[in-house]
C-alpha atoms as a PDB file:
ATOM      1  CA  MET A   1      -0.080   0.112   0.112  1.00  0.00           C
ATOM      2  CA  ALA A   2       1.472   3.558  -0.880  1.00  0.00           C
ATOM      3  CA  ASP A   3       1.433   6.661   0.918  1.00  0.00           C
ATOM      4  CA  THR A   4       0.354   9.895  -0.279  1.00  0.00           C
ATOM      5  CA  THR A   5       2.412  12.897   0.645  1.00  0.00           C
ATOM      6  CA  PHE A   6       0.914  16.281   0.802  1.00  0.00           C
ATOM      7  CA  THR A   7       2.064  19.663   2.172  1.00  0.00           C
ATOM      8  CA  GLU A   8       0.272  22.220   4.211  1.00  0.00           C
ATOM      9  CA  SER A   9       1.513  25.792   5.361  1.00  0.00           C
ATOM     10  CA  PHE A  10       0.405  28.044   8.323  1.00  0.00           C
ATOM     11  CA  LYS A  11       1.936  31.318   9.614  1.00  0.00           C
ATOM     12  CA  VAL A  12       2.848  31.665  13.171  1.00  0.00           C
ATOM     13  CA  THR A  13       4.583  34.114  15.315  1.00  0.00           C
ATOM     14  CA  GLY A  14       8.193  33.613  16.823  1.00  0.00           C
ATOM     15  CA  GLN A  15       6.494  32.845  20.460  1.00  0.00           C
ATOM     16  CA  GLN A  16       4.055  30.183  18.777  1.00  0.00           C
ATOM     17  CA  LEU A  17       6.763  28.515  17.001  1.00  0.00           C
ATOM     18  CA  LEU A  18       7.841  25.958  19.704  1.00  0.00           C
ATOM     19  CA  ASP A  19       4.270  25.119  20.660  1.00  0.00           C
ATOM     20  CA  ALA A  20       3.701  24.599  16.936  1.00  0.00           C
ATOM     21  CA  VAL A  21       6.651  22.316  16.426  1.00  0.00           C
ATOM     22  CA  LYS A  22       5.946  20.398  19.434  1.00  0.00           C
ATOM     23  CA  LYS A  23       2.407  19.620  18.498  1.00  0.00           C
ATOM     24  CA  LEU A  24       3.638  18.381  15.089  1.00  0.00           C
ATOM     25  CA  LEU A  25       6.115  16.028  16.668  1.00  0.00           C
ATOM     26  CA  HIS A  26       3.207  14.211  18.450  1.00  0.00           C
ATOM     27  CA  GLU A  27       1.070  13.857  15.575  1.00  0.00           C
ATOM     28  CA  GLY A  28       3.069  11.016  14.002  1.00  0.00           C
ATOM     29  CA  ASN A  29       2.263  11.628  10.252  1.00  0.00           C
ATOM     30  CA  VAL A  30       4.528  14.623   9.936  1.00  0.00           C
ATOM     31  CA  ARG A  31       7.544  13.971   7.463  1.00  0.00           C
ATOM     32  CA  ARG A  32       9.359  17.088   7.465  1.00  0.00           C
ATOM     33  CA  VAL A  33       8.815  20.431   8.794  1.00  0.00           C
ATOM     34  CA  ILE A  34      10.348  23.549   6.963  1.00  0.00           C
ATOM     35  CA  ILE A  35      10.370  26.857   8.660  1.00  0.00           C
ATOM     36  CA  LYS A  36      10.437  29.843   6.476  1.00  0.00           C
ATOM     37  CA  GLN A  37      10.800  33.459   6.753  1.00  0.00           C
ATOM     38  CA  ASP A  38      10.156  35.904   3.784  1.00  0.00           C
ATOM     39  CA  GLY A  39      10.268  33.275   1.493  1.00  0.00           C
ATOM     40  CA  ARG A  40      13.715  31.998   2.494  1.00  0.00           C
ATOM     41  CA  VAL A  41      14.101  28.504   4.354  1.00  0.00           C
ATOM     42  CA  ILE A  42      15.523  29.219   7.686  1.00  0.00           C
ATOM     43  CA  ALA A  43      15.601  25.502   8.954  1.00  0.00           C
ATOM     44  CA  GLU A  44      14.348  22.301   7.841  1.00  0.00           C
ATOM     45  CA  PHE A  45      13.936  19.344  10.200  1.00  0.00           C
ATOM     46  CA  PRO A  46      13.108  15.631   8.837  1.00  0.00           C
ATOM     47  CA  LEU A  47      10.939  13.767  11.192  1.00  0.00           C
ATOM     48  CA  THR A  48      10.275   9.955  11.517  1.00  0.00           C
ATOM     49  CA  VAL A  49       7.894   7.707  13.387  1.00  0.00           C
ATOM     50  CA  GLY A  50      10.684   6.453  15.532  1.00  0.00           C
ATOM     51  CA  VAL A  51      12.288   9.957  16.595  1.00  0.00           C
ATOM     52  CA  ILE A  52      13.774   9.317  20.189  1.00  0.00           C
ATOM     53  CA  GLY A  53      14.000  11.857  22.974  1.00  0.00           C
ATOM     54  CA  ALA A  54      17.811  12.231  22.217  1.00  0.00           C
ATOM     55  CA  VAL A  55      17.247  13.533  18.899  1.00  0.00           C
ATOM     56  CA  VAL A  56      14.076  15.633  19.705  1.00  0.00           C
ATOM     57  CA  ALA A  57      15.773  17.267  22.647  1.00  0.00           C
ATOM     58  CA  PRO A  58      18.329  19.324  20.301  1.00  0.00           C
ATOM     59  CA  LEU A  59      15.722  19.860  17.515  1.00  0.00           C
ATOM     60  CA  LEU A  60      13.570  21.662  20.269  1.00  0.00           C
ATOM     61  CA  ALA A  61      16.403  23.828  21.627  1.00  0.00           C
ATOM     62  CA  ALA A  62      17.338  24.864  17.928  1.00  0.00           C
ATOM     63  CA  VAL A  63      13.583  25.724  17.320  1.00  0.00           C
ATOM     64  CA  GLY A  64      13.423  27.608  20.686  1.00  0.00           C
ATOM     65  CA  ALA A  65      16.510  29.975  19.582  1.00  0.00           C
ATOM     66  CA  LEU A  66      14.725  30.535  15.991  1.00  0.00           C
ATOM     67  CA  ALA A  67      11.586  31.705  17.854  1.00  0.00           C
ATOM     68  CA  ALA A  68      13.632  34.050  19.945  1.00  0.00           C
ATOM     69  CA  VAL A  69      14.832  35.899  16.723  1.00  0.00           C
ATOM     70  CA  LEU A  70      11.860  35.311  14.209  1.00  0.00           C
ATOM     71  CA  THR A  71       8.913  37.766  14.437  1.00  0.00           C
ATOM     72  CA  GLU A  72       6.672  35.781  12.088  1.00  0.00           C
ATOM     73  CA  CYS A  73       7.188  32.754   9.732  1.00  0.00           C
ATOM     74  CA  THR A  74       5.586  30.326   7.749  1.00  0.00           C
ATOM     75  CA  VAL A  75       5.638  26.696   8.795  1.00  0.00           C
ATOM     76  CA  ASP A  76       5.371  24.032   5.759  1.00  0.00           C
ATOM     77  CA  VAL A  77       4.359  20.623   7.029  1.00  0.00           C
ATOM     78  CA  GLU A  78       5.075  17.329   4.618  1.00  0.00           C
ATOM     79  CA  ARG A  79       2.495  14.958   5.771  1.00  0.00           C
ATOM     80  CA  THR A  80       1.822  11.232   4.586  1.00  0.00           C
ATOM     81  CA  SER A  81      -1.502   9.644   4.607  1.00  0.00           C
ATOM     82  CA  PRO A  82      -2.626   6.209   3.376  1.00  0.00           C
ATOM     83  CA  ASP A  83      -3.406   6.183  -0.252  1.00  0.00           C
ATOM     84  CA  GLU A  84      -7.084   5.462  -0.346  1.00  0.00           C
ATOM     85  CA  GLY A  85      -7.108   4.599  -3.945  1.00  0.00           C
ATOM     86  CA  ALA A  86      -4.356   1.767  -3.503  1.00  0.00           C
ATOM     87  CA  ALA A  87      -6.533   0.687  -0.236  1.00  0.00           C
ATOM     88  CA  SER A  88      -9.792   0.482  -2.284  1.00  0.00           C
ATOM     89  CA  SER A  89      -8.246  -1.371  -5.208  1.00  0.00           C
ATOM     90  CA  GLU A  90      -6.601  -3.816  -2.704  1.00  0.00           C
ATOM     91  CA  SER A  91      -9.947  -4.632  -0.872  1.00  0.00           C
ATOM     92  CA  ASP A  92     -11.363  -5.240  -4.557  1.00  0.00           C
ATOM     93  CA  ARG A  93      -8.794  -7.748  -5.154  1.00  0.00           C
ATOM     94  CA  LYS A  94      -9.464  -9.687  -1.873  1.00  0.00           C
ATOM     95  CA  LYS A  95     -13.289  -9.723  -2.912  1.00  0.00           C
ATOM     96  CA  GLY A  96     -12.452 -11.155  -6.253  1.00  0.00           C
ATOM     97  CA  ALA A  97     -10.308 -13.898  -4.688  1.00  0.00           C
ATOM     98  CA  ALA A  98     -12.807 -15.054  -2.326  1.00  0.00           C
END
């Protein structure tokens, strides 16, 4: 079964940045977080499902440092979701085999 990747963007202030990234870490279907200011990429963090605390702590420290400097930024979030078309065609194949 293939996964579909899509991107969403939202604007946050520097004060909201750390909370937004923490929330994204807990969601689980996030592959990558890109922080931009005025269209320029300031930071890019790949996230995987098995990220452990030893890796997360420096990431959050870096985001906290960015939040102290940035006034407003855009957060691009790359997510994955199961491909619904692939799932339905797989279930159709199972029905045909029965």
